[in-house]
């Protein structure tokens, strides 16, 4: 159970890093680029699955992708079940 809880926390951190990386200019090379690609690779499958159900929300000329927030919420709910 502890291993699953740690894995959920690490994955939640990866999703949070994905949110932060979406607001920055991604590096083209080096260790930061490798890390950004790794975060993108491990978080994209569940995010794209959520995006098929919940489309991005439009506010004027801006679109908000709610899939990372929904994934973090789902991870939080699963973590609460695992921790209890």
Protein backbone atom coordinates (compact mmCIF):
# COMPACT_ATOMS: atom_id res chain seq x y z
CA UNK A 1 0.00 0.00 0.00
CA UNK A 2 2.83 2.40 0.81
CA UNK A 3 4.42 1.79 -2.59
CA UNK A 4 1.14 2.58 -4.36
CA UNK A 5 0.74 5.76 -2.31
CA UNK A 6 4.26 6.88 -3.23
CA UNK A 7 3.65 6.12 -6.91
CA UNK A 8 0.43 8.15 -6.83
CA UNK A 9 2.29 11.07 -5.24
CA UNK A 10 5.08 10.91 -7.81
CA UNK A 11 2.58 10.79 -10.67
CA UNK A 12 0.65 13.73 -9.20
CA UNK A 13 3.93 15.64 -9.08
CA UNK A 14 4.54 14.79 -12.75
CA UNK A 15 1.08 16.13 -13.68
CA UNK A 16 1.79 19.31 -11.70
CA UNK A 17 5.14 19.68 -13.49
CA UNK A 18 3.28 19.28 -16.78
CA UNK A 19 1.07 22.22 -15.79
CA UNK A 20 4.11 24.35 -14.98
CA UNK A 21 5.88 23.34 -18.20
CA UNK A 22 2.80 24.34 -20.22
CA UNK A 23 3.29 27.94 -19.04
CA UNK A 24 7.00 28.12 -19.90
CA UNK A 25 9.06 27.97 -23.06
CA UNK A 26 10.25 24.36 -23.38
CA UNK A 27 14.00 23.91 -23.75
CA UNK A 28 15.20 22.43 -27.04
CA UNK A 29 18.10 20.37 -25.73
CA UNK A 30 19.88 19.31 -22.59
CA UNK A 31 18.71 17.62 -19.40
CA UNK A 32 15.74 19.97 -18.97
CA UNK A 33 14.44 19.03 -22.42
CA UNK A 34 14.85 15.34 -21.60
CA UNK A 35 12.95 15.80 -18.35
CA UNK A 36 10.19 17.78 -20.07
CA UNK A 37 9.82 15.05 -22.72
CA UNK A 38 9.67 12.37 -20.01
CA UNK A 39 6.97 14.26 -18.10
CA UNK A 40 5.01 14.74 -21.32
CA UNK A 41 5.36 11.05 -22.25
CA UNK A 42 4.13 9.68 -18.93
CA UNK A 43 1.27 12.15 -18.46
CA UNK A 44 -0.14 12.36 -22.00
CA UNK A 45 -2.06 9.02 -22.17
CA UNK A 46 -4.48 9.73 -19.29
CA UNK A 47 -4.73 13.42 -20.21
CA UNK A 48 -5.70 12.62 -23.79
CA UNK A 49 -8.27 10.09 -22.54
CA UNK A 50 -9.81 12.76 -20.32
CA UNK A 51 -9.76 15.26 -23.21
CA UNK A 52 -11.91 12.92 -25.30
CA UNK A 53 -14.62 13.19 -22.65
CA UNK A 54 -14.13 16.77 -21.43
CA UNK A 55 -13.24 19.24 -24.14
CA UNK A 56 -11.27 22.43 -23.33
CA UNK A 57 -13.48 25.28 -22.11
CA UNK A 58 -13.53 28.54 -24.07
CA UNK A 59 -13.58 31.88 -22.27
CA UNK A 60 -13.60 34.58 -24.95
CA UNK A 61 -10.52 34.04 -27.07
CA UNK A 62 -8.83 31.81 -24.47
CA UNK A 63 -9.17 28.05 -24.13
CA UNK A 64 -8.64 26.28 -20.79
CA UNK A 65 -7.72 22.61 -20.71
CA UNK A 66 -9.31 21.15 -17.59
CA UNK A 67 -7.88 17.65 -18.04
CA UNK A 68 -4.83 18.15 -15.75
CA UNK A 69 -7.05 19.46 -12.97
CA UNK A 70 -9.45 16.54 -13.37
CA UNK A 71 -6.56 14.07 -13.38
CA UNK A 72 -5.11 15.62 -10.21
CA UNK A 73 -8.55 15.40 -8.59
CA UNK A 74 -8.85 11.73 -9.56
CA UNK A 75 -5.34 11.01 -8.22
CA UNK A 76 -6.23 12.79 -4.99
CA UNK A 77 -9.40 10.70 -4.61
CA UNK A 78 -7.55 7.43 -5.27
CA UNK A 79 -4.77 8.47 -2.87
CA UNK A 80 -7.34 9.13 -0.15
CA UNK A 81 -8.77 5.64 -0.63
CA UNK A 82 -5.28 4.13 -0.54
CA UNK A 83 -4.21 6.09 2.55
CA UNK A 84 -7.35 5.15 4.52
